[in-house]
Amino acid sequence: MSTSFTLSSTAFADGGSIPARFTCDGAGQSPPLAWHGTPEGTRAFALLVTDPDARGFVHWVATDIPASSAGLAEGASGSGSAGREGRNDFGRTGWGGPCPPSGVHRYVFELFALPSPLSIPGVPSAAAVRTAIRDRLLGEARMTGTYRRGA
């Protein structure tokens, strides 16, 4: 029996523009996320947010999000409810909002359903998450947002 594992946000549609309040031009809080159709056997989630238009620049790493969670509230980064947060490419832990130098950039939100927490030692990096989920992935949900400064 297959389920449709999906990721969404009440702040923007898949493929839509991320509101400025979630970026460097606003308060910079993490956006609200919700997921549905969690695969059977899921015991934890991991989340990566990257910008493929900036060579995969990492905006958020969160691991060991409890399986009982059906989403993350607005501003969850830094609140303790986003699991173990890792280092982004701004050099900080947690969410780093979009701040493209020019043009429209895409931000890919990837949520991974896992059979157990990753328990990565130290501060988790996106590369460590990608290595740790290999051969353990129960499902993946993805959505993309866009942002252009001054738009």
C-alpha atoms as a PDB file:
ATOM      1  CA  MET A   1       0.000   0.000   0.000  1.00  0.00           C
ATOM      2  CA  SER A   2       1.594   3.231  -1.074  1.00  0.00           C
ATOM      3  CA  THR A   3       0.790   6.609   0.361  1.00  0.00           C
ATOM      4  CA  SER A   4       1.401   9.995  -1.111  1.00  0.00           C
ATOM      5  CA  PHE A   5       3.913  11.715   1.174  1.00  0.00           C
ATOM      6  CA  THR A   6       3.559  15.476   0.667  1.00  0.00           C
ATOM      7  CA  LEU A   7       5.083  18.647   2.068  1.00  0.00           C
ATOM      8  CA  SER A   8       3.326  22.023   2.056  1.00  0.00           C
ATOM      9  CA  SER A   9       3.303  25.450   3.668  1.00  0.00           C
ATOM     10  CA  THR A  10       0.459  27.789   4.561  1.00  0.00           C
ATOM     11  CA  ALA A  11       2.818  30.700   3.778  1.00  0.00           C
ATOM     12  CA  PHE A  12       3.438  29.924   0.087  1.00  0.00           C
ATOM     13  CA  ALA A  13       2.403  27.422  -2.575  1.00  0.00           C
ATOM     14  CA  ASP A  14       4.769  24.895  -4.133  1.00  0.00           C
ATOM     15  CA  GLY A  15       6.617  26.865  -6.808  1.00  0.00           C
ATOM     16  CA  GLY A  16       5.371  30.151  -5.334  1.00  0.00           C
ATOM     17  CA  SER A  17       7.128  33.130  -3.837  1.00  0.00           C
ATOM     18  CA  ILE A  18       8.344  32.927  -0.230  1.00  0.00           C
ATOM     19  CA  PRO A  19       7.040  35.963   1.695  1.00  0.00           C
ATOM     20  CA  ALA A  20       9.742  38.487   2.676  1.00  0.00           C
ATOM     21  CA  ARG A  21       9.099  37.949   6.401  1.00  0.00           C
ATOM     22  CA  PHE A  22      10.901  34.583   6.132  1.00  0.00           C
ATOM     23  CA  THR A  23      13.963  36.097   4.428  1.00  0.00           C
ATOM     24  CA  CYS A  24      16.872  38.402   5.215  1.00  0.00           C
ATOM     25  CA  ASP A  25      14.600  41.273   4.168  1.00  0.00           C
ATOM     26  CA  GLY A  26      12.155  40.511   6.982  1.00  0.00           C
ATOM     27  CA  ALA A  27      12.190  38.905  10.425  1.00  0.00           C
ATOM     28  CA  GLY A  28      13.949  35.847   8.999  1.00  0.00           C
ATOM     29  CA  GLN A  29      11.800  33.317  10.840  1.00  0.00           C
ATOM     30  CA  SER A  30      11.465  29.808   9.463  1.00  0.00           C
ATOM     31  CA  PRO A  31       8.259  29.270   7.474  1.00  0.00           C
ATOM     32  CA  PRO A  32       5.468  26.972   8.634  1.00  0.00           C
ATOM     33  CA  LEU A  33       5.587  23.497   7.110  1.00  0.00           C
ATOM     34  CA  ALA A  34       3.102  20.616   7.165  1.00  0.00           C
ATOM     35  CA  TRP A  35       3.333  17.077   5.880  1.00  0.00           C
ATOM     36  CA  HIS A  36       0.800  14.388   5.120  1.00  0.00           C
ATOM     37  CA  GLY A  37       0.885  10.726   4.131  1.00  0.00           C
ATOM     38  CA  THR A  38       3.790   9.810   6.396  1.00  0.00           C
ATOM     39  CA  PRO A  39       5.160   6.409   5.306  1.00  0.00           C
ATOM     40  CA  GLU A  40       4.482   3.450   7.589  1.00  0.00           C
ATOM     41  CA  GLY A  41       7.377   2.729   9.940  1.00  0.00           C
ATOM     42  CA  THR A  42       8.527   6.350  10.162  1.00  0.00           C
ATOM     43  CA  ARG A  43      10.202   7.066  13.519  1.00  0.00           C
ATOM     44  CA  ALA A  44      11.887  10.390  12.656  1.00  0.00           C
ATOM     45  CA  PHE A  45      12.211  13.047   9.979  1.00  0.00           C
ATOM     46  CA  ALA A  46      15.117  15.064   8.611  1.00  0.00           C
ATOM     47  CA  LEU A  47      14.757  18.325   6.701  1.00  0.00           C
ATOM     48  CA  LEU A  48      17.129  20.061   4.306  1.00  0.00           C
ATOM     49  CA  VAL A  49      16.539  23.394   2.569  1.00  0.00           C
ATOM     50  CA  THR A  50      18.948  24.312  -0.202  1.00  0.00           C
ATOM     51  CA  ASP A  51      19.282  26.845  -3.027  1.00  0.00           C
ATOM     52  CA  PRO A  52      20.215  25.045  -6.268  1.00  0.00           C
ATOM     53  CA  ASP A  53      20.731  28.425  -7.954  1.00  0.00           C
ATOM     54  CA  ALA A  54      23.598  29.143  -5.543  1.00  0.00           C
ATOM     55  CA  ARG A  55      25.449  25.822  -5.936  1.00  0.00           C
ATOM     56  CA  GLY A  56      23.319  24.074  -3.316  1.00  0.00           C
ATOM     57  CA  PHE A  57      23.748  26.753  -0.616  1.00  0.00           C
ATOM     58  CA  VAL A  58      22.302  25.251   2.590  1.00  0.00           C
ATOM     59  CA  HIS A  59      19.630  27.297   4.382  1.00  0.00           C
ATOM     60  CA  TRP A  60      18.415  24.778   6.976  1.00  0.00           C
ATOM     61  CA  VAL A  61      19.418  21.403   8.385  1.00  0.00           C
ATOM     62  CA  ALA A  62      17.123  19.740  10.929  1.00  0.00           C
ATOM     63  CA  THR A  63      17.366  16.102  11.996  1.00  0.00           C
ATOM     64  CA  ASP A  64      15.661  13.806  14.476  1.00  0.00           C
ATOM     65  CA  ILE A  65      12.318  15.590  14.153  1.00  0.00           C
ATOM     66  CA  PRO A  66       9.885  13.325  16.057  1.00  0.00           C
ATOM     67  CA  ALA A  67       7.649  11.065  13.972  1.00  0.00           C
ATOM     68  CA  SER A  68       4.675  12.308  15.990  1.00  0.00           C
ATOM     69  CA  SER A  69       5.112  15.698  14.339  1.00  0.00           C
ATOM     70  CA  ALA A  70       2.916  16.581  11.352  1.00  0.00           C
ATOM     71  CA  GLY A  71       4.733  19.817  10.657  1.00  0.00           C
ATOM     72  CA  LEU A  72       6.710  22.729  12.012  1.00  0.00           C
ATOM     73  CA  ALA A  73       5.102  25.989  13.120  1.00  0.00           C
ATOM     74  CA  GLU A  74       6.237  29.366  11.839  1.00  0.00           C
ATOM     75  CA  GLY A  75       9.404  30.288  13.712  1.00  0.00           C
ATOM     76  CA  ALA A  76      10.091  26.682  14.805  1.00  0.00           C
ATOM     77  CA  SER A  77      13.807  27.072  14.113  1.00  0.00           C
ATOM     78  CA  GLY A  78      15.560  27.812  17.380  1.00  0.00           C
ATOM     79  CA  SER A  79      12.502  26.865  19.462  1.00  0.00           C
ATOM     80  CA  GLY A  80      13.513  23.260  20.132  1.00  0.00           C
ATOM     81  CA  SER A  81      10.572  21.877  18.159  1.00  0.00           C
ATOM     82  CA  ALA A  82      12.581  21.430  14.940  1.00  0.00           C
ATOM     83  CA  GLY A  83      14.609  18.477  16.209  1.00  0.00           C
ATOM     84  CA  ARG A  84      18.399  18.802  16.182  1.00  0.00           C
ATOM     85  CA  GLU A  85      19.312  21.721  13.974  1.00  0.00           C
ATOM     86  CA  GLY A  86      22.552  21.817  12.045  1.00  0.00           C
ATOM     87  CA  ARG A  87      24.792  24.451  10.561  1.00  0.00           C
ATOM     88  CA  ASN A  88      23.667  26.340   7.478  1.00  0.00           C
ATOM     89  CA  ASP A  89      25.999  27.915   4.923  1.00  0.00           C
ATOM     90  CA  PHE A  90      25.663  31.296   6.639  1.00  0.00           C
ATOM     91  CA  GLY A  91      27.732  29.640   9.412  1.00  0.00           C
ATOM     92  CA  ARG A  92      24.841  29.661  11.897  1.00  0.00           C
ATOM     93  CA  THR A  93      22.723  26.912  13.387  1.00  0.00           C
ATOM     94  CA  GLY A  94      19.095  26.711  12.269  1.00  0.00           C
ATOM     95  CA  TRP A  95      17.151  28.499   9.546  1.00  0.00           C
ATOM     96  CA  GLY A  96      18.905  31.081   7.407  1.00  0.00           C
ATOM     97  CA  GLY A  97      16.332  32.828   5.248  1.00  0.00           C
ATOM     98  CA  PRO A  98      16.700  33.461   1.532  1.00  0.00           C
ATOM     99  CA  CYS A  99      18.948  36.391   0.675  1.00  0.00           C
ATOM    100  CA  PRO A 100      19.885  36.064  -3.004  1.00  0.00           C
ATOM    101  CA  PRO A 101      22.364  38.621  -4.348  1.00  0.00           C
ATOM    102  CA  SER A 102      20.435  39.021  -7.618  1.00  0.00           C
ATOM    103  CA  GLY A 103      17.603  37.514  -9.617  1.00  0.00           C
ATOM    104  CA  VAL A 104      15.061  34.900  -8.626  1.00  0.00           C
ATOM    105  CA  HIS A 105      16.397  31.928  -6.675  1.00  0.00           C
ATOM    106  CA  ARG A 106      14.681  28.614  -5.922  1.00  0.00           C
ATOM    107  CA  TYR A 107      14.648  27.091  -2.427  1.00  0.00           C
ATOM    108  CA  VAL A 108      14.116  23.345  -2.265  1.00  0.00           C
ATOM    109  CA  PHE A 109      12.594  21.971   0.947  1.00  0.00           C
ATOM    110  CA  GLU A 110      13.261  18.215   1.269  1.00  0.00           C
ATOM    111  CA  LEU A 111      11.690  16.200   4.068  1.00  0.00           C
ATOM    112  CA  PHE A 112      12.963  12.664   4.631  1.00  0.00           C
ATOM    113  CA  ALA A 113      10.968   9.988   6.493  1.00  0.00           C
ATOM    114  CA  LEU A 114      13.273   7.625   8.391  1.00  0.00           C
ATOM    115  CA  PRO A 115      12.924   4.372  10.380  1.00  0.00           C
ATOM    116  CA  SER A 116      14.911   5.860  13.303  1.00  0.00           C
ATOM    117  CA  PRO A 117      16.558   9.131  14.352  1.00  0.00           C
ATOM    118  CA  LEU A 118      19.871   9.819  12.605  1.00  0.00           C
ATOM    119  CA  SER A 119      21.722  10.720  15.833  1.00  0.00           C
ATOM    120  CA  ILE A 120      24.556  12.361  13.893  1.00  0.00           C
ATOM    121  CA  PRO A 121      27.375  13.291  16.303  1.00  0.00           C
ATOM    122  CA  GLY A 122      28.126  16.975  16.790  1.00  0.00           C
ATOM    123  CA  VAL A 123      26.376  19.626  14.734  1.00  0.00           C
ATOM    124  CA  PRO A 124      24.689  17.942  11.742  1.00  0.00           C
ATOM    125  CA  SER A 125      25.641  19.170   8.272  1.00  0.00           C
ATOM    126  CA  ALA A 126      23.654  18.701   5.068  1.00  0.00           C
ATOM    127  CA  ALA A 127      26.383  16.386   3.742  1.00  0.00           C
ATOM    128  CA  ALA A 128      26.258  14.253   6.910  1.00  0.00           C
ATOM    129  CA  VAL A 129      22.461  14.003   6.621  1.00  0.00           C
ATOM    130  CA  ARG A 130      22.643  12.943   2.974  1.00  0.00           C
ATOM    131  CA  THR A 131      25.210  10.258   3.857  1.00  0.00           C
ATOM    132  CA  ALA A 132      23.243   9.040   6.901  1.00  0.00           C
ATOM    133  CA  ILE A 133      19.924   8.671   5.046  1.00  0.00           C
ATOM    134  CA  ARG A 134      21.376   6.495   2.275  1.00  0.00           C
ATOM    135  CA  ASP A 135      19.711   3.078   2.289  1.00  0.00           C
ATOM    136  CA  ARG A 136      17.410   4.153   5.151  1.00  0.00           C
ATOM    137  CA  LEU A 137      14.897   6.361   3.394  1.00  0.00           C
ATOM    138  CA  LEU A 138      11.231   5.392   3.805  1.00  0.00           C
ATOM    139  CA  GLY A 139       9.961   8.364   1.829  1.00  0.00           C
ATOM    140  CA  GLU A 140      10.770  11.856   0.630  1.00  0.00           C
ATOM    141  CA  ALA A 141       8.504  14.866   0.267  1.00  0.00           C
ATOM    142  CA  ARG A 142       9.619  18.017  -1.476  1.00  0.00           C
ATOM    143  CA  MET A 143       8.452  21.502  -2.306  1.00  0.00           C
ATOM    144  CA  THR A 144      10.072  24.574  -3.805  1.00  0.00           C
ATOM    145  CA  GLY A 145       9.694  28.243  -3.052  1.00  0.00           C
ATOM    146  CA  THR A 146      11.202  31.209  -4.889  1.00  0.00           C
ATOM    147  CA  TYR A 147      12.487  34.564  -3.757  1.00  0.00           C
ATOM    148  CA  ARG A 148      13.766  37.729  -5.412  1.00  0.00           C
ATOM    149  CA  ARG A 149      14.961  40.626  -3.285  1.00  0.00           C
ATOM    150  CA  GLY A 150      13.074  43.844  -3.764  1.00  0.00           C
ATOM    151  CA  ALA A 151      10.253  42.137  -5.651  1.00  0.00           C
END
